[in-house]
Amino acid sequence: MSSTVFAASTGLDFPLAQQLTVVALCALTAFLSHLALAVFNDGVRPFMLDFVQGRTTRSATTAVSFGLSAGFIFGLGAPMALSSGVLNPWLLFLPTDVLGILAPKKWLAPLLGGAWGAVVVFGLDGANDLAHDLPVGFLTAMQQMATPILFLFTLFPVLAITRQFGRLRGALAGGVELTLVVLTMKVWPEVFAGAPAMAVGVLLLIGFAVAKDVRQRRAERDTAAVVTSTRGQAPADPGAEKEQTPGGSVAGKGQAPADPGAGEGPASGRPGAEKEPASGGPGAEKGPASGGPGGGETPGEVDPMVSLFGSSAARLRRHLPLFMVLGAGVCLLAQLHVFGGGEATSFLIAKGQYAEAAQVDFYRALGFIPLIATTALASGAYGIVGFTLVYPVGYLLPSPWLAMVCGALIFAGEVLALSWIGKVLGGLPSVRDSSEHLRAAIGDTLQLAILFGSLLAADAMGGGLGILIAGGLYLLNEAVGRVVVRMAAAPAAVLVTGIILNLLHWLHLFTPVKS
């Protein structure tokens, strides 16, 4: 298929300036990881708070980071880079997470990170050349993964809408996306067909979420108005009872305080009572100062989290110059077009479709901004690539110098706006939920696409035997409890299948499939 001919299929032989950029950026990311200021792996970030506060050791945190990263490095990052000819964050930044935390000294962390960058830029080219010299060219076959990844990825907004807003709206979004894909292939054949469909799908999702939040806020205001009106009338009723029945007025007086207390108890009294022991003395001290139960409840409920978020945001702001340098480096790497921020993006960059790649990574960012913001505020460790907004900006910029300036400014804005973003997300529950559904839908679509594409690659290498070996390895990984994470298991199985088929060929037991 002509759409899978890559601009980067000539190899991974990067010019010196690009090699130095990769080495320097890997050194910087390892240094930031050592300082516990930023890591790439979202699963590792929540563990960084204990590390920062000294409740866990460097070796224990390193073990967690390696355990959560190894499968993605060797099962996804390396195969994707070899098959597309484009670097990716799993290959570059997951290892620097591990190396930076592992390093016992500050000066050693950038040395280890830079060494890994050198291994990538110098070692991958040699591995690429060696693989293409083999009788069974499994790297060429792995380019079959491109089409399933690009087109199935288009459906992630449909999945997110269906899960959050039901089948009817999901079916509507699916019909709209299918229509746009067919129309784009017919009218604009030079444009990636999934790009307009994804744009409309994401806009539909955001529109549904914002509309739901608006309706919910309106309903809450109406409810609050009714409650206020009811409370305003409440004093008149006991007064009327007291005038009519003096004997009943004693009971009325006894019940009057109980009614407001009963009304407020389920809403505020019980949670406040439960949270007082957790907050201890400070909660008790703040209660009297606030003048009432409501005032005592608010500090007990909000202050600890607000204090944690505030201290984390302040810690990151203190290192703002380092983050600006990091943003400049990541944006520069994206502008050089030797780096893709995701699975689909890598193949789009390889084909020279930079505008489409920018669009795809922008939509991915919408799913990860809430996760990165909340984990950064909770742990004090930011994301190595920030909110990933530097990716699409870098792809589209014409100049490396402009990319560095824009990357630095983007990271500065992100770090300075962290607290504000946390507050905004707290007031938009449906939009926040949409982000969760987007992230899950991206994972599901890519998981199916990578599995299907890997089986296509296995078929291109060895026909039925290739499918048997690759599919068998994938199923074996499932049976033994997923030693390799599911997302990375299929590409790793294709690499192993390629090695096995070459060994069988040397033993005269297998004849390569003719392309």
Protein backbone atom coordinates (compact mmCIF):
# COMPACT_ATOMS: atom_id res chain seq x y z
CA MET A 1 0.00 0.00 0.00
CA SER A 2 1.44 3.33 -1.05
CA SER A 3 0.32 5.04 2.14
CA THR A 4 2.79 3.02 4.14
CA VAL A 5 5.87 4.22 2.25
CA PHE A 6 7.80 6.22 4.81
CA ALA A 7 10.01 9.22 4.40
CA ALA A 8 12.15 7.84 7.21
CA SER A 9 12.42 4.32 5.84
CA THR A 10 15.98 5.01 4.69
CA GLY A 11 17.21 4.44 8.23
CA LEU A 12 18.04 6.07 11.53
CA ASP A 13 21.20 7.86 10.44
CA PHE A 14 20.75 11.28 12.01
CA PRO A 15 22.94 14.34 11.31
CA LEU A 16 25.34 15.44 14.05
CA ALA A 17 23.14 18.34 15.21
CA GLN A 18 20.20 15.98 15.74
CA GLN A 19 22.40 13.45 17.52
CA LEU A 20 23.68 16.13 19.91
CA THR A 21 20.13 17.33 20.55
CA VAL A 22 19.03 13.82 21.55
CA VAL A 23 22.07 13.28 23.79
CA ALA A 24 21.69 16.65 25.53
CA LEU A 25 17.94 16.19 26.04
CA CYS A 26 18.41 12.72 27.51
CA ALA A 27 21.04 14.10 29.88
CA LEU A 28 18.68 16.87 31.01
CA THR A 29 15.71 14.54 31.53
CA ALA A 30 17.81 12.15 33.60
CA PHE A 31 18.96 15.08 35.75
CA LEU A 32 15.37 16.23 36.34
CA SER A 33 14.38 12.67 37.20
CA HIS A 34 17.23 12.46 39.71
CA LEU A 35 15.95 15.64 41.38
CA ALA A 36 12.40 14.17 41.38
CA LEU A 37 11.21 17.25 39.48
CA ALA A 38 9.84 15.41 36.45
CA VAL A 39 9.37 11.90 35.08
CA PHE A 40 7.78 10.68 31.86
CA ASN A 41 5.96 7.60 33.17
CA ASP A 42 2.56 8.65 34.51
CA GLY A 43 2.47 5.51 36.65
CA VAL A 44 5.72 6.43 38.41
CA ARG A 45 4.77 10.03 39.22
CA PRO A 46 2.46 9.21 42.17
CA PHE A 47 5.35 7.36 43.86
CA MET A 48 7.58 10.42 43.71
CA LEU A 49 5.93 12.17 46.68
CA ASP A 50 7.16 9.49 49.08
CA PHE A 51 10.60 9.71 47.50
CA VAL A 52 10.70 13.51 47.77
CA GLN A 53 9.61 13.39 51.41
CA GLY A 54 12.12 10.65 52.27
CA ARG A 55 9.59 7.91 53.04
CA THR A 56 11.09 5.57 50.46
CA THR A 57 14.61 4.90 49.21
CA ARG A 58 16.18 5.67 45.86
CA SER A 59 16.67 1.97 45.11
CA ALA A 60 13.03 1.15 45.86
CA THR A 61 11.80 3.97 43.63
CA THR A 62 14.17 2.82 40.88
CA ALA A 63 12.72 -0.68 41.09
CA VAL A 64 9.19 0.72 40.71
CA SER A 65 10.22 2.85 37.74
CA PHE A 66 12.00 -0.01 35.98
CA GLY A 67 9.13 -2.43 36.59
CA LEU A 68 6.60 -0.01 35.10
CA SER A 69 8.79 1.01 32.16
CA ALA A 70 10.78 -1.97 30.89
CA GLY A 71 7.97 -3.51 28.85
CA PHE A 72 7.25 -0.24 27.07
CA ILE A 73 10.92 0.44 26.35
CA PHE A 74 11.78 -2.87 24.71
CA GLY A 75 8.33 -3.98 23.59
CA LEU A 76 6.98 -0.72 22.17
CA GLY A 77 9.60 2.03 22.01
CA ALA A 78 12.35 0.10 20.22
CA PRO A 79 10.08 -1.73 17.71
CA MET A 80 8.24 1.50 16.85
CA ALA A 81 11.49 3.37 16.27
CA LEU A 82 12.95 0.59 14.13
CA SER A 83 9.80 0.14 12.04
CA SER A 84 9.04 3.83 11.47
CA GLY A 85 12.53 5.33 11.51
CA VAL A 86 11.30 7.96 14.01
CA LEU A 87 12.25 8.24 17.68
CA ASN A 88 9.56 8.17 20.36
CA PRO A 89 9.23 9.12 24.06
CA TRP A 90 9.10 5.51 25.32
CA LEU A 91 12.55 4.85 23.87
CA LEU A 92 14.11 8.15 25.00
CA PHE A 93 12.48 9.20 28.25
CA LEU A 94 11.42 6.03 30.06
CA PRO A 95 15.06 4.88 30.35
CA THR A 96 16.15 8.32 31.55
CA ASP A 97 13.47 8.12 34.26
CA VAL A 98 15.10 4.94 35.52
CA LEU A 99 18.71 6.10 35.11
CA GLY A 100 18.07 9.46 36.76
CA ILE A 101 16.44 7.93 39.84
CA LEU A 102 19.10 5.22 39.96
CA ALA A 103 22.05 7.64 39.94
CA PRO A 104 23.28 8.28 43.51
CA LYS A 105 24.94 11.60 42.62
CA LYS A 106 23.70 14.66 40.76
CA TRP A 107 26.63 14.74 38.37
CA LEU A 108 26.20 11.08 37.46
CA ALA A 109 22.57 11.37 36.37
CA PRO A 110 23.17 13.54 33.26
CA LEU A 111 26.15 11.37 32.31
CA LEU A 112 24.00 8.24 32.38
CA GLY A 113 21.18 9.98 30.51
CA GLY A 114 23.54 11.32 27.86
CA ALA A 115 25.08 7.87 27.46
CA TRP A 116 21.64 6.40 26.81
CA GLY A 117 20.96 9.09 24.21
CA ALA A 118 24.22 8.17 22.50
CA VAL A 119 23.25 4.49 22.50
CA VAL A 120 19.96 5.37 20.83
CA VAL A 121 21.27 7.62 18.08
CA PHE A 122 24.36 5.55 17.28
CA GLY A 123 23.15 2.05 18.10
CA LEU A 124 19.75 2.11 16.41
CA ASP A 125 21.22 2.93 13.02
CA GLY A 126 23.51 -0.09 13.20
CA ALA A 127 20.65 -2.31 14.35
CA ASN A 128 18.50 -0.96 11.53
CA ASP A 129 21.14 -1.73 8.91
CA LEU A 130 21.70 -5.21 10.32
CA ALA A 131 18.01 -5.99 10.35
CA HIS A 132 17.56 -4.91 6.73
CA ASP A 133 20.41 -7.20 5.67
CA LEU A 134 18.64 -10.27 7.08
CA PRO A 135 16.91 -12.67 4.64
CA VAL A 136 13.63 -12.17 6.53
CA GLY A 137 13.25 -8.37 6.71
CA PHE A 138 11.05 -8.06 9.76
CA LEU A 139 11.50 -4.30 10.10
CA THR A 140 10.04 -3.74 6.65
CA ALA A 141 7.20 -6.10 7.53
CA MET A 142 6.51 -4.14 10.72
CA GLN A 143 5.53 -1.14 8.60
CA GLN A 144 2.29 -3.06 8.04
CA MET A 145 1.34 -1.81 11.52
CA ALA A 146 0.90 1.71 10.19
CA THR A 147 -2.49 1.38 8.50
CA PRO A 148 -4.37 -0.28 11.41
CA ILE A 149 -2.88 2.17 13.91
CA LEU A 150 -3.72 5.26 11.87
CA PHE A 151 -7.27 4.31 10.96
CA LEU A 152 -8.43 2.56 14.13
CA PHE A 153 -7.02 5.45 16.18
CA THR A 154 -9.61 7.61 14.42
CA LEU A 155 -12.36 5.90 16.43
CA PHE A 156 -11.23 6.86 19.93
CA PRO A 157 -13.67 9.84 20.22
CA VAL A 158 -16.55 7.51 19.29
CA LEU A 159 -15.62 5.09 22.08
CA ALA A 160 -15.29 7.93 24.59
CA ILE A 161 -18.67 9.41 23.64
CA THR A 162 -20.40 6.01 23.82
CA ARG A 163 -19.02 5.27 27.28
CA GLN A 164 -19.82 8.65 28.74
CA PHE A 165 -23.03 9.64 26.96
CA GLY A 166 -24.59 6.40 25.77
CA ARG A 167 -25.17 4.38 22.63
CA LEU A 168 -27.33 6.89 20.76
CA ARG A 169 -24.79 9.69 20.82
CA GLY A 170 -21.99 7.19 20.23
CA ALA A 171 -23.77 5.89 17.11
CA LEU A 172 -24.30 9.48 15.93
CA ALA A 173 -20.59 10.26 16.36
CA GLY A 174 -19.62 7.02 14.60
CA GLY A 175 -21.84 7.82 11.62
CA VAL A 176 -20.44 11.34 11.37
CA GLU A 177 -16.84 10.10 11.53
CA LEU A 178 -17.41 7.38 8.91
CA THR A 179 -19.00 9.91 6.58
CA LEU A 180 -16.08 12.29 6.99
CA VAL A 181 -13.49 9.56 6.39
CA VAL A 182 -15.19 8.51 3.13
CA LEU A 183 -15.61 12.13 2.05
CA THR A 184 -11.98 12.99 2.82
CA MET A 185 -10.66 9.97 0.91
CA LYS A 186 -12.76 11.01 -2.09
CA VAL A 187 -12.31 14.78 -2.09
CA TRP A 188 -8.93 15.33 -0.37
CA PRO A 189 -6.88 12.17 -1.06
CA GLU A 190 -3.64 13.88 -0.06
CA VAL A 191 -4.95 14.46 3.52
CA PHE A 192 -4.90 11.72 6.15
CA ALA A 193 -8.53 10.60 6.09
CA GLY A 194 -8.86 10.24 9.85
CA ALA A 195 -7.79 13.81 10.68
CA PRO A 196 -11.10 15.64 9.99
CA ALA A 197 -13.08 12.78 11.52
CA MET A 198 -11.06 12.91 14.75
CA ALA A 199 -11.47 16.69 14.92
CA VAL A 200 -15.25 16.49 14.70
CA GLY A 201 -15.40 13.54 17.12
CA VAL A 202 -13.40 15.36 19.79
CA LEU A 203 -15.47 18.53 19.33
CA LEU A 204 -18.66 16.49 19.78
CA LEU A 205 -17.30 14.95 22.97
CA ILE A 206 -16.31 18.33 24.42
CA GLY A 207 -19.63 19.83 23.36
CA PHE A 208 -21.62 17.08 25.08
CA ALA A 209 -19.52 17.43 28.24
CA VAL A 210 -19.78 21.23 28.44
CA ALA A 211 -23.54 21.07 27.82
CA LYS A 212 -23.92 18.55 30.64
CA ASP A 213 -21.91 20.72 33.05
CA VAL A 214 -23.98 23.79 32.12
CA ARG A 215 -27.22 21.90 32.75
CA GLN A 216 -25.89 20.59 36.05
CA ARG A 217 -24.85 24.03 37.26
CA ARG A 218 -28.23 25.44 36.27
CA ALA A 219 -30.00 22.68 38.20
CA GLU A 220 -27.79 23.32 41.24
CA ARG A 221 -28.59 27.04 41.15
CA ASP A 222 -32.31 26.29 40.92
CA THR A 223 -32.05 23.86 43.85
CA ALA A 224 -30.09 26.39 45.90
CA ALA A 225 -32.73 29.05 45.18
CA VAL A 226 -35.50 26.72 46.35
CA VAL A 227 -33.59 25.85 49.55
CA THR A 228 -32.91 29.52 50.29
CA SER A 229 -36.56 30.36 49.76
CA THR A 230 -37.62 27.53 52.07
CA ARG A 231 -35.22 28.59 54.83
CA GLY A 232 -36.44 32.16 54.55
CA GLN A 233 -39.97 30.98 55.37
CA ALA A 234 -38.96 28.57 58.15
CA PRO A 235 -38.94 31.06 61.10
CA ALA A 236 -42.57 32.04 60.44
CA ASP A 237 -43.91 28.54 61.05
CA PRO A 238 -42.49 28.00 64.56
CA GLY A 239 -43.60 31.50 65.48
CA ALA A 240 -47.14 30.72 64.41
CA GLU A 241 -47.09 27.51 66.42
CA LYS A 242 -45.86 29.31 69.55
CA GLU A 243 -48.70 31.82 69.45
CA GLN A 244 -51.37 29.17 69.03
CA THR A 245 -50.18 26.54 71.53
CA PRO A 246 -48.06 27.62 74.46
CA GLY A 247 -47.63 24.04 75.52
CA GLY A 248 -46.48 23.15 72.06
CA SER A 249 -44.07 26.06 72.02
CA VAL A 250 -41.81 24.25 74.45
CA ALA A 251 -41.65 21.35 72.06
CA GLY A 252 -41.18 23.80 69.20
CA LYS A 253 -38.21 25.34 70.93
CA GLY A 254 -36.73 21.96 71.56
CA GLN A 255 -37.15 20.94 67.95
CA ALA A 256 -36.23 24.16 66.23
CA PRO A 257 -32.47 23.81 66.69
CA ALA A 258 -32.71 20.12 65.80
CA ASP A 259 -34.28 20.78 62.41
CA PRO A 260 -31.46 22.90 60.99
CA GLY A 261 -28.97 20.55 62.55
CA ALA A 262 -30.73 17.58 61.03
CA GLY A 263 -30.86 19.34 57.71
CA GLU A 264 -27.18 20.18 57.77
CA GLY A 265 -26.02 16.95 59.41
CA PRO A 266 -26.09 14.65 56.38
CA ALA A 267 -24.59 17.33 54.18
CA SER A 268 -21.84 18.66 56.38
CA GLY A 269 -22.01 17.43 59.95
CA ARG A 270 -21.12 13.78 59.43
CA PRO A 271 -18.27 14.29 56.97
CA GLY A 272 -16.94 17.04 59.20
CA ALA A 273 -17.09 14.76 62.20
CA GLU A 274 -15.34 12.03 60.30
CA LYS A 275 -12.62 14.37 59.10
CA GLU A 276 -11.88 16.01 62.46
CA PRO A 277 -9.88 13.03 63.77
CA ALA A 278 -7.98 12.89 60.49
CA SER A 279 -7.06 16.58 60.67
CA GLY A 280 -6.48 16.47 64.42
CA GLY A 281 -5.69 19.56 66.36
CA PRO A 282 -5.52 21.97 63.44
CA GLY A 283 -9.05 21.10 62.42
CA ALA A 284 -10.27 21.66 65.95
CA GLU A 285 -8.47 24.97 66.21
CA LYS A 286 -9.86 26.25 62.94
CA GLY A 287 -13.42 25.38 63.84
CA PRO A 288 -13.90 28.01 66.56
CA ALA A 289 -12.05 30.61 64.60
CA SER A 290 -14.40 30.19 61.70
CA GLY A 291 -17.38 30.78 63.89
CA GLY A 292 -19.42 27.65 63.25
CA PRO A 293 -19.64 24.08 62.11
CA GLY A 294 -19.58 25.09 58.50
CA GLY A 295 -16.38 27.01 58.98
CA GLY A 296 -14.80 24.16 60.90
CA GLU A 297 -15.74 21.67 58.21
CA THR A 298 -14.29 23.63 55.30
CA PRO A 299 -10.72 23.85 56.58
CA GLY A 300 -10.81 20.22 57.73
CA GLU A 301 -11.96 19.08 54.31
CA VAL A 302 -10.03 21.33 51.94
CA ASP A 303 -6.92 22.63 53.64
CA PRO A 304 -4.72 19.49 53.61
CA MET A 305 -5.16 18.97 49.87
CA VAL A 306 -4.90 22.66 49.09
CA SER A 307 -1.73 22.82 51.16
CA LEU A 308 -0.23 19.83 49.33
CA PHE A 309 -1.16 21.18 45.90
CA GLY A 310 0.13 24.62 46.81
CA SER A 311 3.49 23.35 48.04
CA SER A 312 3.91 21.13 44.97
CA ALA A 313 3.12 23.99 42.60
CA ALA A 314 5.53 26.28 44.48
CA ARG A 315 8.27 23.62 44.31
CA LEU A 316 7.90 23.37 40.53
CA ARG A 317 7.82 27.15 40.10
CA ARG A 318 11.12 27.45 41.98
CA HIS A 319 12.75 25.42 39.20
CA LEU A 320 11.05 27.26 36.35
CA PRO A 321 14.32 27.97 34.41
CA LEU A 322 15.08 24.23 34.25
CA PHE A 323 11.59 23.51 32.94
CA MET A 324 11.94 26.22 30.31
CA VAL A 325 15.17 24.62 29.07
CA LEU A 326 13.38 21.27 29.02
CA GLY A 327 10.48 22.70 27.03
CA ALA A 328 12.90 24.24 24.55
CA GLY A 329 14.64 20.89 24.07
CA VAL A 330 11.48 18.82 23.59
CA CYS A 331 9.97 21.33 21.17
CA LEU A 332 13.25 21.45 19.22
CA LEU A 333 13.31 17.66 18.93
CA ALA A 334 9.75 17.68 17.59
CA GLN A 335 10.61 20.44 15.11
CA LEU A 336 13.50 18.38 13.70
CA HIS A 337 10.93 15.76 12.59
CA VAL A 338 12.95 12.84 13.93
CA PHE A 339 10.60 12.34 16.86
CA GLY A 340 6.93 11.39 17.20
CA GLY A 341 4.94 11.72 20.40
CA GLY A 342 2.74 8.65 19.89
CA GLU A 343 2.19 5.45 17.96
CA ALA A 344 0.08 7.01 15.22
CA THR A 345 2.18 10.17 15.22
CA SER A 346 5.41 8.28 14.55
CA PHE A 347 4.07 6.89 11.28
CA LEU A 348 2.59 10.25 10.25
CA ILE A 349 5.93 11.98 10.89
CA ALA A 350 7.67 9.24 8.91
CA LYS A 351 5.34 9.94 5.97
CA GLY A 352 5.95 13.70 6.19
CA GLN A 353 2.36 14.50 7.26
CA TYR A 354 3.30 16.97 9.98
CA ALA A 355 -0.02 18.85 10.15
CA GLU A 356 -1.92 15.59 10.69
CA ALA A 357 0.62 14.52 13.29
CA ALA A 358 0.13 17.81 15.14
CA GLN A 359 -3.62 17.30 15.12
CA VAL A 360 -3.37 13.75 16.48
CA ASP A 361 -1.04 14.72 19.32
CA PHE A 362 -3.19 17.71 20.21
CA TYR A 363 -6.19 15.42 20.71
CA ARG A 364 -4.07 13.04 22.76
CA ALA A 365 -3.07 15.96 24.99
CA LEU A 366 -6.74 16.61 25.80
CA GLY A 367 -6.91 13.18 27.37
CA PHE A 368 -3.77 13.54 29.45
CA ILE A 369 -3.78 17.16 30.68
CA PRO A 370 -6.01 16.42 33.72
CA LEU A 371 -3.96 13.35 34.65
CA ILE A 372 -0.63 15.15 34.37
CA ALA A 373 -1.90 18.25 36.19
CA THR A 374 -3.40 16.38 39.14
CA THR A 375 -0.48 13.96 39.58
CA ALA A 376 1.99 16.85 39.33
CA LEU A 377 0.12 18.83 41.99
CA ALA A 378 -0.20 15.79 44.23
CA SER A 379 3.40 14.57 43.91
CA GLY A 380 5.50 17.64 43.12
CA ALA A 381 6.88 15.94 39.98
CA TYR A 382 5.92 17.28 36.57
CA GLY A 383 5.80 15.43 33.24
CA ILE A 384 9.00 15.32 31.21
CA VAL A 385 7.04 16.44 28.17
CA GLY A 386 4.61 18.61 30.13
CA PHE A 387 1.07 18.50 28.81
CA THR A 388 2.55 17.33 25.45
CA LEU A 389 1.39 20.58 23.82
CA VAL A 390 4.98 21.20 22.70
CA TYR A 391 4.64 18.25 20.31
CA PRO A 392 2.11 19.74 17.87
CA VAL A 393 3.67 23.18 18.12
CA GLY A 394 7.10 21.78 17.32
CA TYR A 395 5.90 19.76 14.34
CA LEU A 396 4.48 22.88 12.69
CA LEU A 397 7.17 25.47 13.38
CA PRO A 398 9.55 26.33 10.51
CA SER A 399 12.66 27.19 12.55
CA PRO A 400 14.62 25.36 15.28
CA TRP A 401 15.30 28.65 17.08
CA LEU A 402 11.63 29.56 17.05
CA ALA A 403 10.84 26.07 18.36
CA MET A 404 13.18 26.54 21.31
CA VAL A 405 11.63 29.91 22.22
CA CYS A 406 8.07 28.61 21.89
CA GLY A 407 8.86 25.43 23.84
CA ALA A 408 10.36 27.43 26.71
CA LEU A 409 7.33 29.75 26.83
CA ILE A 410 4.85 26.87 26.68
CA PHE A 411 6.48 25.07 29.60
CA ALA A 412 6.68 28.30 31.58
CA GLY A 413 2.97 28.88 31.04
CA GLU A 414 2.10 25.30 31.99
CA VAL A 415 4.06 25.33 35.23
CA LEU A 416 2.78 28.77 36.26
CA ALA A 417 -0.82 27.78 35.46
CA LEU A 418 -0.82 24.42 37.28
CA SER A 419 -2.76 25.61 40.33
CA TRP A 420 -5.31 27.44 38.20
CA ILE A 421 -5.77 24.38 35.96
CA GLY A 422 -6.40 22.24 39.03
CA LYS A 423 -9.14 24.61 40.19
CA VAL A 424 -10.76 24.77 36.73
CA LEU A 425 -10.82 20.99 36.44
CA GLY A 426 -12.49 20.80 39.84
CA GLY A 427 -15.37 22.91 38.51
CA LEU A 428 -15.88 20.92 35.29
CA PRO A 429 -16.64 17.35 36.36
CA SER A 430 -18.02 16.21 32.99
CA VAL A 431 -15.06 17.62 31.07
CA ARG A 432 -12.75 15.92 33.56
CA ASP A 433 -14.63 12.66 33.04
CA SER A 434 -14.32 13.12 29.27
CA SER A 435 -10.57 13.23 29.68
CA GLU A 436 -10.66 9.91 31.54
CA HIS A 437 -12.81 8.35 28.82
CA LEU A 438 -10.57 9.76 26.08
CA ARG A 439 -7.49 8.26 27.69
CA ALA A 440 -9.14 4.86 28.09
CA ALA A 441 -10.46 4.95 24.51
CA ILE A 442 -7.02 5.82 23.14
CA GLY A 443 -5.57 2.82 24.96
CA ASP A 444 -8.28 0.46 23.71
CA THR A 445 -8.09 1.53 20.07
CA LEU A 446 -4.30 1.40 20.00
CA GLN A 447 -4.26 -1.96 21.73
CA LEU A 448 -6.46 -3.50 19.02
CA ALA A 449 -4.64 -1.65 16.23
CA ILE A 450 -1.20 -2.73 17.41
CA LEU A 451 -2.30 -6.35 17.82
CA PHE A 452 -3.93 -6.42 14.38
CA GLY A 453 -0.98 -4.63 12.76
CA SER A 454 1.47 -7.01 14.42
CA LEU A 455 -0.38 -10.01 12.99
CA LEU A 456 -0.28 -8.37 9.55
CA ALA A 457 3.48 -7.90 9.98
CA ALA A 458 3.87 -11.54 11.03
CA ASP A 459 1.90 -12.63 7.96
CA ALA A 460 4.09 -10.48 5.71
CA MET A 461 7.20 -12.13 7.19
CA GLY A 462 6.19 -15.74 7.35
CA GLY A 463 2.60 -16.28 6.26
CA GLY A 464 0.72 -18.72 8.44
CA LEU A 465 3.88 -19.75 10.30
CA GLY A 466 4.60 -16.13 11.18
CA ILE A 467 1.05 -15.64 12.50
CA LEU A 468 1.35 -18.88 14.47
CA ILE A 469 4.59 -17.83 16.18
CA ALA A 470 3.67 -14.18 16.84
CA GLY A 471 0.13 -14.96 17.90
CA GLY A 472 1.34 -17.85 20.04
CA LEU A 473 3.86 -15.64 21.83
CA TYR A 474 1.17 -13.03 22.48
CA LEU A 475 -1.22 -15.64 23.89
CA LEU A 476 1.56 -17.18 25.97
CA ASN A 477 2.27 -13.78 27.49
CA GLU A 478 -1.41 -13.51 28.40
CA ALA A 479 -1.43 -17.01 29.89
CA VAL A 480 1.55 -16.40 32.18
CA GLY A 481 0.13 -13.17 33.57
CA ARG A 482 1.40 -10.55 31.09
CA VAL A 483 5.12 -10.47 31.76
CA VAL A 484 5.16 -7.84 28.98
CA VAL A 485 2.39 -5.25 29.15
CA ARG A 486 -0.37 -5.92 26.63
CA MET A 487 0.27 -2.79 24.56
CA ALA A 488 3.89 -3.79 23.98
CA ALA A 489 3.44 -7.57 23.81
CA ALA A 490 2.43 -7.76 20.15
CA PRO A 491 5.34 -5.69 18.69
CA ALA A 492 7.76 -7.58 20.91
CA ALA A 493 6.29 -10.86 19.61
CA VAL A 494 6.87 -9.68 16.02
CA LEU A 495 10.53 -8.95 16.75
CA VAL A 496 11.02 -12.39 18.31
CA THR A 497 9.15 -13.96 15.38
CA GLY A 498 11.52 -12.26 12.95
CA ILE A 499 14.54 -13.65 14.80
CA ILE A 500 13.04 -17.15 14.89
CA LEU A 501 12.18 -17.09 11.18
CA ASN A 502 15.71 -16.03 10.30
CA LEU A 503 17.12 -18.89 12.40
CA LEU A 504 14.79 -21.33 10.65
CA HIS A 505 15.93 -19.96 7.29
CA TRP A 506 19.60 -20.52 8.18
CA LEU A 507 18.68 -24.09 9.15
CA HIS A 508 16.99 -24.50 5.73
CA LEU A 509 13.63 -25.04 7.43
CA PHE A 510 11.92 -21.91 6.17
CA THR A 511 11.78 -20.00 2.90
CA PRO A 512 11.05 -16.27 3.22
CA VAL A 513 7.70 -15.11 1.91
CA LYS A 514 8.05 -13.19 -1.34
CA SER A 515 6.72 -9.65 -1.13
